[in-house]
N, C-alpha and C. Protein backbone atom coordinates (compact mmCIF):
# COMPACT_ATOMS: atom_id res chain seq x y z
N MET A 1 -32.46 0.96 5.92
CA MET A 1 -33.49 1.73 5.26
C MET A 1 -33.64 1.22 3.84
N LYS A 2 -34.89 1.06 3.42
CA LYS A 2 -35.18 0.60 2.06
C LYS A 2 -36.18 1.55 1.42
N TYR A 3 -36.05 1.73 0.11
CA TYR A 3 -37.01 2.53 -0.65
C TYR A 3 -36.91 2.15 -2.12
N THR A 4 -37.88 2.62 -2.91
CA THR A 4 -37.87 2.37 -4.35
C THR A 4 -38.01 3.69 -5.09
N CYS A 5 -37.52 3.71 -6.33
CA CYS A 5 -37.66 4.87 -7.22
C CYS A 5 -37.96 4.35 -8.62
N ASP A 6 -38.72 5.13 -9.39
CA ASP A 6 -39.10 4.75 -10.75
C ASP A 6 -39.05 5.96 -11.66
N ILE A 7 -38.74 5.68 -12.94
CA ILE A 7 -38.76 6.72 -13.96
C ILE A 7 -38.93 6.05 -15.32
N ASP A 8 -39.58 6.75 -16.24
CA ASP A 8 -39.70 6.28 -17.62
C ASP A 8 -38.76 7.09 -18.50
N ILE A 9 -38.11 6.39 -19.43
CA ILE A 9 -37.15 7.01 -20.35
C ILE A 9 -37.66 6.77 -21.76
N SER A 10 -37.73 7.82 -22.55
CA SER A 10 -38.30 7.75 -23.90
C SER A 10 -37.31 7.18 -24.92
N LEU A 11 -36.79 6.00 -24.60
CA LEU A 11 -35.86 5.29 -25.49
C LEU A 11 -36.10 3.79 -25.35
N PRO A 12 -35.77 3.02 -26.38
CA PRO A 12 -35.85 1.56 -26.26
C PRO A 12 -34.89 1.04 -25.19
N ARG A 13 -35.25 -0.07 -24.58
CA ARG A 13 -34.47 -0.64 -23.49
C ARG A 13 -33.02 -0.94 -23.90
N ASP A 14 -32.81 -1.43 -25.11
CA ASP A 14 -31.44 -1.75 -25.55
C ASP A 14 -30.57 -0.49 -25.58
N ARG A 15 -31.13 0.64 -26.01
CA ARG A 15 -30.36 1.89 -26.04
C ARG A 15 -30.08 2.38 -24.62
N VAL A 16 -31.07 2.29 -23.74
CA VAL A 16 -30.89 2.67 -22.34
C VAL A 16 -29.77 1.83 -21.73
N SER A 17 -29.79 0.53 -21.99
CA SER A 17 -28.78 -0.38 -21.47
C SER A 17 -27.38 0.00 -21.97
N GLU A 18 -27.30 0.28 -23.25
CA GLU A 18 -26.01 0.67 -23.85
C GLU A 18 -25.44 1.90 -23.17
N LEU A 19 -26.25 2.92 -22.97
CA LEU A 19 -25.80 4.16 -22.34
C LEU A 19 -25.49 3.96 -20.86
N PHE A 20 -26.33 3.20 -20.17
CA PHE A 20 -26.16 2.96 -18.74
C PHE A 20 -24.84 2.23 -18.44
N GLN A 21 -24.44 1.35 -19.34
CA GLN A 21 -23.25 0.53 -19.11
C GLN A 21 -21.97 1.10 -19.71
N ASP A 22 -22.03 2.26 -20.32
CA ASP A 22 -20.85 2.84 -20.97
C ASP A 22 -20.05 3.68 -19.96
N PRO A 23 -18.93 3.12 -19.44
CA PRO A 23 -18.17 3.85 -18.42
C PRO A 23 -17.57 5.16 -18.93
N SER A 24 -17.37 5.28 -20.23
CA SER A 24 -16.79 6.51 -20.76
C SER A 24 -17.78 7.68 -20.74
N ARG A 25 -19.06 7.41 -20.43
CA ARG A 25 -20.06 8.47 -20.45
C ARG A 25 -20.66 8.78 -19.09
N ILE A 26 -20.16 8.13 -18.04
CA ILE A 26 -20.72 8.34 -16.70
C ILE A 26 -20.69 9.81 -16.30
N SER A 27 -19.62 10.50 -16.61
CA SER A 27 -19.51 11.91 -16.20
C SER A 27 -20.56 12.79 -16.87
N GLU A 28 -21.20 12.30 -17.93
CA GLU A 28 -22.23 13.07 -18.62
C GLU A 28 -23.56 13.06 -17.85
N TRP A 29 -23.71 12.15 -16.89
CA TRP A 29 -24.96 12.12 -16.12
C TRP A 29 -24.75 12.03 -14.62
N GLN A 30 -23.51 11.88 -14.18
CA GLN A 30 -23.20 11.94 -12.76
C GLN A 30 -22.22 13.10 -12.56
N ASP A 31 -22.74 14.25 -12.15
CA ASP A 31 -21.91 15.45 -12.09
C ASP A 31 -20.79 15.39 -11.06
N SER A 32 -20.88 14.49 -10.09
CA SER A 32 -19.81 14.38 -9.09
C SER A 32 -18.74 13.36 -9.48
N PHE A 33 -18.95 12.64 -10.58
CA PHE A 33 -18.05 11.57 -10.97
C PHE A 33 -16.67 12.09 -11.36
N VAL A 34 -15.62 11.43 -10.81
CA VAL A 34 -14.23 11.79 -11.12
C VAL A 34 -13.56 10.66 -11.90
N SER A 35 -13.63 9.43 -11.37
CA SER A 35 -12.94 8.33 -12.04
C SER A 35 -13.48 6.97 -11.62
N MET A 36 -13.10 5.96 -12.42
CA MET A 36 -13.46 4.57 -12.16
C MET A 36 -12.25 3.72 -12.51
N LYS A 37 -11.90 2.81 -11.59
CA LYS A 37 -10.76 1.93 -11.83
C LYS A 37 -11.17 0.50 -11.50
N LEU A 38 -10.90 -0.42 -12.44
CA LEU A 38 -11.18 -1.83 -12.20
C LEU A 38 -10.17 -2.36 -11.20
N VAL A 39 -10.66 -2.92 -10.09
CA VAL A 39 -9.80 -3.45 -9.03
C VAL A 39 -9.59 -4.95 -9.22
N SER A 40 -10.68 -5.67 -9.53
CA SER A 40 -10.57 -7.10 -9.77
C SER A 40 -11.73 -7.58 -10.62
N GLY A 41 -11.53 -8.73 -11.27
CA GLY A 41 -12.56 -9.31 -12.10
C GLY A 41 -12.51 -8.78 -13.52
N GLU A 42 -13.50 -9.19 -14.28
CA GLU A 42 -13.62 -8.80 -15.68
C GLU A 42 -14.66 -7.69 -15.79
N ALA A 43 -14.33 -6.61 -16.45
CA ALA A 43 -15.20 -5.44 -16.55
C ALA A 43 -16.63 -5.83 -16.94
N GLY A 44 -17.58 -5.32 -16.17
CA GLY A 44 -18.99 -5.52 -16.45
C GLY A 44 -19.56 -6.84 -15.99
N GLN A 45 -18.74 -7.74 -15.50
CA GLN A 45 -19.22 -9.07 -15.11
C GLN A 45 -19.52 -9.14 -13.61
N ALA A 46 -20.44 -10.03 -13.27
CA ALA A 46 -20.76 -10.25 -11.86
C ALA A 46 -19.50 -10.64 -11.11
N GLY A 47 -19.33 -10.08 -9.94
CA GLY A 47 -18.16 -10.36 -9.11
C GLY A 47 -17.04 -9.37 -9.26
N ASN A 48 -17.09 -8.55 -10.31
CA ASN A 48 -15.99 -7.59 -10.45
C ASN A 48 -16.13 -6.44 -9.46
N VAL A 49 -15.01 -5.80 -9.20
CA VAL A 49 -14.95 -4.72 -8.22
C VAL A 49 -14.31 -3.50 -8.88
N HIS A 50 -14.96 -2.35 -8.70
CA HIS A 50 -14.43 -1.07 -9.18
C HIS A 50 -14.19 -0.14 -8.00
N GLU A 51 -13.21 0.70 -8.15
CA GLU A 51 -13.03 1.82 -7.23
C GLU A 51 -13.57 3.04 -7.96
N LEU A 52 -14.58 3.67 -7.38
CA LEU A 52 -15.19 4.87 -7.95
C LEU A 52 -14.78 6.06 -7.10
N VAL A 53 -14.49 7.17 -7.75
CA VAL A 53 -14.18 8.40 -7.03
C VAL A 53 -15.18 9.46 -7.45
N HIS A 54 -15.80 10.09 -6.45
CA HIS A 54 -16.75 11.19 -6.68
C HIS A 54 -16.28 12.39 -5.88
N LYS A 55 -16.47 13.57 -6.42
CA LYS A 55 -16.13 14.83 -5.75
C LYS A 55 -17.33 15.26 -4.92
N MET A 56 -17.12 15.35 -3.62
CA MET A 56 -18.16 15.77 -2.69
C MET A 56 -17.68 17.05 -2.02
N GLY A 57 -18.15 18.17 -2.53
CA GLY A 57 -17.63 19.45 -2.04
C GLY A 57 -16.18 19.59 -2.48
N LYS A 58 -15.28 19.76 -1.52
CA LYS A 58 -13.87 19.92 -1.85
C LYS A 58 -13.07 18.64 -1.69
N ARG A 59 -13.73 17.56 -1.28
CA ARG A 59 -12.97 16.33 -1.06
C ARG A 59 -13.44 15.23 -2.01
N ASP A 60 -12.54 14.27 -2.21
CA ASP A 60 -12.87 13.10 -3.02
C ASP A 60 -13.42 12.01 -2.12
N MET A 61 -14.50 11.37 -2.56
CA MET A 61 -15.07 10.24 -1.85
C MET A 61 -14.79 8.99 -2.67
N VAL A 62 -14.09 8.04 -2.07
CA VAL A 62 -13.78 6.78 -2.74
C VAL A 62 -14.84 5.76 -2.34
N MET A 63 -15.37 5.09 -3.34
CA MET A 63 -16.45 4.13 -3.14
C MET A 63 -16.07 2.83 -3.84
N ILE A 64 -16.39 1.70 -3.24
CA ILE A 64 -16.14 0.40 -3.85
C ILE A 64 -17.45 -0.15 -4.39
N GLU A 65 -17.48 -0.39 -5.70
CA GLU A 65 -18.65 -0.98 -6.36
C GLU A 65 -18.35 -2.46 -6.62
N THR A 66 -19.26 -3.33 -6.20
CA THR A 66 -19.16 -4.75 -6.49
C THR A 66 -20.40 -5.16 -7.28
N ILE A 67 -20.21 -5.64 -8.50
CA ILE A 67 -21.34 -6.07 -9.31
C ILE A 67 -21.80 -7.44 -8.84
N LYS A 68 -23.06 -7.52 -8.46
CA LYS A 68 -23.65 -8.77 -7.98
C LYS A 68 -24.34 -9.53 -9.11
N GLU A 69 -24.93 -8.79 -10.05
CA GLU A 69 -25.61 -9.40 -11.19
C GLU A 69 -25.61 -8.41 -12.34
N ASN A 70 -25.29 -8.90 -13.52
CA ASN A 70 -25.39 -8.07 -14.72
C ASN A 70 -26.07 -8.90 -15.80
N SER A 71 -27.38 -8.77 -15.85
CA SER A 71 -28.15 -9.44 -16.89
C SER A 71 -28.85 -8.37 -17.73
N MET A 72 -28.05 -7.37 -18.12
CA MET A 72 -28.57 -6.29 -18.94
C MET A 72 -28.90 -6.85 -20.32
N PRO A 73 -29.94 -6.34 -20.94
CA PRO A 73 -30.56 -5.04 -20.68
C PRO A 73 -31.66 -5.05 -19.62
N ALA A 74 -31.89 -6.16 -18.94
CA ALA A 74 -33.01 -6.24 -18.01
C ALA A 74 -32.67 -5.86 -16.58
N ARG A 75 -31.47 -6.21 -16.10
CA ARG A 75 -31.21 -6.07 -14.66
C ARG A 75 -29.73 -5.85 -14.38
N PHE A 76 -29.47 -4.95 -13.42
CA PHE A 76 -28.11 -4.68 -12.96
C PHE A 76 -28.17 -4.47 -11.45
N VAL A 77 -27.40 -5.29 -10.71
CA VAL A 77 -27.42 -5.23 -9.25
C VAL A 77 -25.99 -5.03 -8.77
N ALA A 78 -25.80 -4.06 -7.89
CA ALA A 78 -24.46 -3.79 -7.35
C ALA A 78 -24.56 -3.27 -5.94
N THR A 79 -23.46 -3.45 -5.19
CA THR A 79 -23.33 -2.82 -3.88
C THR A 79 -22.28 -1.74 -3.98
N TYR A 80 -22.43 -0.74 -3.11
CA TYR A 80 -21.51 0.40 -3.03
C TYR A 80 -21.16 0.60 -1.57
N GLU A 81 -19.86 0.70 -1.29
CA GLU A 81 -19.41 0.85 0.10
C GLU A 81 -18.42 2.00 0.20
N SER A 82 -18.62 2.80 1.25
CA SER A 82 -17.71 3.92 1.50
C SER A 82 -17.96 4.47 2.90
N GLY A 83 -16.91 4.56 3.68
CA GLY A 83 -16.95 5.25 4.97
C GLY A 83 -18.15 4.97 5.84
N GLY A 84 -18.44 3.74 6.14
CA GLY A 84 -19.56 3.42 7.02
C GLY A 84 -20.90 3.33 6.33
N VAL A 85 -20.92 3.38 5.01
CA VAL A 85 -22.17 3.26 4.25
C VAL A 85 -22.08 2.05 3.33
N TRP A 86 -23.10 1.21 3.39
CA TRP A 86 -23.27 0.08 2.48
C TRP A 86 -24.59 0.28 1.79
N ASN A 87 -24.59 0.21 0.44
CA ASN A 87 -25.78 0.48 -0.35
C ASN A 87 -25.95 -0.62 -1.40
N LEU A 88 -27.12 -1.24 -1.44
CA LEU A 88 -27.48 -2.21 -2.46
C LEU A 88 -28.45 -1.53 -3.42
N MET A 89 -28.14 -1.59 -4.72
CA MET A 89 -29.04 -1.01 -5.73
C MET A 89 -29.40 -2.10 -6.73
N GLU A 90 -30.69 -2.42 -6.79
CA GLU A 90 -31.20 -3.40 -7.74
C GLU A 90 -31.95 -2.62 -8.82
N ASN A 91 -31.36 -2.56 -10.01
CA ASN A 91 -31.92 -1.80 -11.14
C ASN A 91 -32.62 -2.76 -12.09
N ASP A 92 -33.89 -2.51 -12.36
CA ASP A 92 -34.65 -3.31 -13.32
C ASP A 92 -35.17 -2.41 -14.43
N PHE A 93 -34.96 -2.86 -15.66
CA PHE A 93 -35.36 -2.12 -16.85
C PHE A 93 -36.37 -2.96 -17.63
N THR A 94 -37.58 -2.42 -17.83
CA THR A 94 -38.60 -3.13 -18.58
C THR A 94 -39.06 -2.28 -19.75
N GLU A 95 -39.52 -2.97 -20.78
CA GLU A 95 -40.01 -2.28 -21.96
C GLU A 95 -41.49 -1.93 -21.76
N ASN A 96 -41.81 -0.68 -22.00
CA ASN A 96 -43.20 -0.24 -21.97
C ASN A 96 -43.84 -0.55 -23.32
N PRO A 97 -45.18 -0.67 -23.37
CA PRO A 97 -45.86 -0.96 -24.64
C PRO A 97 -45.55 0.05 -25.75
N ASP A 98 -45.26 1.30 -25.38
CA ASP A 98 -44.98 2.33 -26.39
C ASP A 98 -43.53 2.33 -26.86
N GLY A 99 -42.72 1.37 -26.38
CA GLY A 99 -41.33 1.29 -26.81
C GLY A 99 -40.36 2.03 -25.91
N SER A 100 -40.87 2.75 -24.93
CA SER A 100 -39.99 3.43 -23.97
C SER A 100 -39.55 2.42 -22.91
N THR A 101 -38.74 2.88 -21.97
CA THR A 101 -38.19 2.00 -20.94
C THR A 101 -38.61 2.48 -19.55
N HIS A 102 -39.03 1.54 -18.74
CA HIS A 102 -39.33 1.83 -17.33
C HIS A 102 -38.14 1.36 -16.50
N TRP A 103 -37.59 2.27 -15.68
CA TRP A 103 -36.45 1.97 -14.81
C TRP A 103 -36.93 1.99 -13.37
N HIS A 104 -36.78 0.87 -12.70
CA HIS A 104 -37.18 0.73 -11.30
C HIS A 104 -35.95 0.37 -10.48
N ILE A 105 -35.75 1.05 -9.36
CA ILE A 105 -34.64 0.75 -8.46
C ILE A 105 -35.18 0.42 -7.08
N ASP A 106 -34.71 -0.71 -6.53
CA ASP A 106 -34.90 -1.03 -5.12
C ASP A 106 -33.58 -0.71 -4.43
N CYS A 107 -33.60 0.17 -3.45
CA CYS A 107 -32.40 0.59 -2.72
C CYS A 107 -32.47 0.14 -1.28
N GLU A 108 -31.31 -0.24 -0.78
CA GLU A 108 -31.19 -0.55 0.64
C GLU A 108 -29.91 0.09 1.14
N PHE A 109 -30.01 0.79 2.25
CA PHE A 109 -28.85 1.42 2.89
C PHE A 109 -28.66 0.87 4.28
N GLN A 110 -27.41 0.60 4.63
CA GLN A 110 -27.03 0.29 6.00
C GLN A 110 -25.88 1.22 6.32
N CYS A 111 -25.99 1.95 7.42
CA CYS A 111 -25.01 2.99 7.75
C CYS A 111 -24.56 2.88 9.20
N SER A 112 -23.41 3.48 9.46
CA SER A 112 -22.92 3.58 10.83
C SER A 112 -22.42 5.01 11.06
N GLY A 113 -22.18 5.34 12.31
CA GLY A 113 -21.65 6.66 12.65
C GLY A 113 -22.62 7.78 12.34
N PHE A 114 -22.05 8.92 11.93
CA PHE A 114 -22.83 10.13 11.65
C PHE A 114 -23.86 9.90 10.54
N ILE A 115 -23.49 9.12 9.54
CA ILE A 115 -24.41 8.87 8.41
C ILE A 115 -25.66 8.13 8.90
N LYS A 116 -25.50 7.25 9.89
CA LYS A 116 -26.67 6.54 10.43
C LYS A 116 -27.65 7.53 11.08
N ILE A 117 -27.11 8.52 11.74
CA ILE A 117 -27.96 9.56 12.33
C ILE A 117 -28.72 10.30 11.24
N MET A 118 -28.00 10.65 10.16
CA MET A 118 -28.64 11.35 9.03
C MET A 118 -29.73 10.49 8.40
N MET A 119 -29.49 9.19 8.34
CA MET A 119 -30.47 8.28 7.76
C MET A 119 -31.77 8.31 8.57
N TRP A 120 -31.68 8.43 9.88
CA TRP A 120 -32.87 8.46 10.73
C TRP A 120 -33.51 9.84 10.77
N VAL A 121 -32.69 10.89 10.74
CA VAL A 121 -33.21 12.26 10.83
C VAL A 121 -33.80 12.74 9.50
N ALA A 122 -33.12 12.41 8.41
CA ALA A 122 -33.55 12.92 7.10
C ALA A 122 -33.48 11.83 6.03
N PRO A 123 -34.30 10.77 6.17
CA PRO A 123 -34.24 9.68 5.19
C PRO A 123 -34.61 10.12 3.78
N PHE A 124 -35.40 11.18 3.65
CA PHE A 124 -35.81 11.68 2.34
C PHE A 124 -34.61 12.11 1.49
N MET A 125 -33.49 12.48 2.15
CA MET A 125 -32.31 12.94 1.40
C MET A 125 -31.74 11.82 0.54
N PHE A 126 -31.79 10.59 1.01
CA PHE A 126 -31.27 9.45 0.26
C PHE A 126 -32.12 9.24 -1.00
N LYS A 127 -33.44 9.21 -0.83
CA LYS A 127 -34.33 9.00 -1.98
C LYS A 127 -34.25 10.18 -2.95
N LYS A 128 -34.11 11.37 -2.41
CA LYS A 128 -33.99 12.56 -3.27
C LYS A 128 -32.75 12.45 -4.16
N GLN A 129 -31.65 11.98 -3.60
CA GLN A 129 -30.41 11.84 -4.37
C GLN A 129 -30.57 10.77 -5.45
N THR A 130 -31.24 9.66 -5.13
CA THR A 130 -31.46 8.61 -6.13
C THR A 130 -32.36 9.13 -7.25
N ASN A 131 -33.42 9.84 -6.90
CA ASN A 131 -34.30 10.42 -7.92
C ASN A 131 -33.55 11.41 -8.81
N LYS A 132 -32.66 12.20 -8.23
CA LYS A 132 -31.87 13.15 -9.01
C LYS A 132 -30.97 12.40 -10.00
N MET A 133 -30.31 11.34 -9.52
CA MET A 133 -29.44 10.56 -10.39
C MET A 133 -30.23 9.96 -11.56
N MET A 134 -31.42 9.45 -11.26
CA MET A 134 -32.25 8.86 -12.32
C MET A 134 -32.72 9.94 -13.31
N SER A 135 -33.12 11.09 -12.81
CA SER A 135 -33.55 12.19 -13.69
C SER A 135 -32.39 12.69 -14.55
N ASP A 136 -31.20 12.77 -13.96
CA ASP A 136 -30.02 13.19 -14.72
C ASP A 136 -29.70 12.19 -15.82
N PHE A 137 -29.81 10.88 -15.51
CA PHE A 137 -29.57 9.87 -16.54
C PHE A 137 -30.61 9.99 -17.65
N LYS A 138 -31.88 10.14 -17.29
CA LYS A 138 -32.95 10.28 -18.28
C LYS A 138 -32.66 11.45 -19.22
N ALA A 139 -32.32 12.61 -18.67
CA ALA A 139 -32.02 13.79 -19.49
C ALA A 139 -30.84 13.52 -20.42
N PHE A 140 -29.79 12.92 -19.88
CA PHE A 140 -28.61 12.58 -20.68
C PHE A 140 -28.99 11.60 -21.79
N ALA A 141 -29.67 10.50 -21.44
CA ALA A 141 -29.99 9.45 -22.41
C ALA A 141 -30.89 9.97 -23.54
N GLU A 142 -31.89 10.76 -23.17
CA GLU A 142 -32.83 11.24 -24.17
C GLU A 142 -32.22 12.29 -25.09
N SER A 143 -31.10 12.87 -24.70
CA SER A 143 -30.43 13.86 -25.56
C SER A 143 -29.17 13.31 -26.23
N ALA A 144 -28.81 12.06 -25.91
CA ALA A 144 -27.57 11.47 -26.46
C ALA A 144 -27.75 11.06 -27.91
């Protein structure tokens, strides 16, 4: 399944990039975020791997993030894998004429098991979650 999401943030692209890449502030815009641990590679560089933990209800969900490209402030590409779900997120940040930032994400999901059924029955849930994450980041960034 593939889809796109877009949002404008009333900040310059360099400031958006700074906030987006600051691991110490992730919990300020991702309410389920618990922790991040570098598994291999150099932090922030293409090829590095992080173990991310998010609280989903009463259980912790462990996710593996692999950075595929980091050419910020313009582009950040990573894959996320957890329990039968593989997700590619291509984030592009462009400067609007008014000095604000346009954030565009191309998402691709490949799933197996129960999650694959959910992907076919309720694909809107995936896009809704991405839009929520983007809106939460926008609110955080514009008030930071």
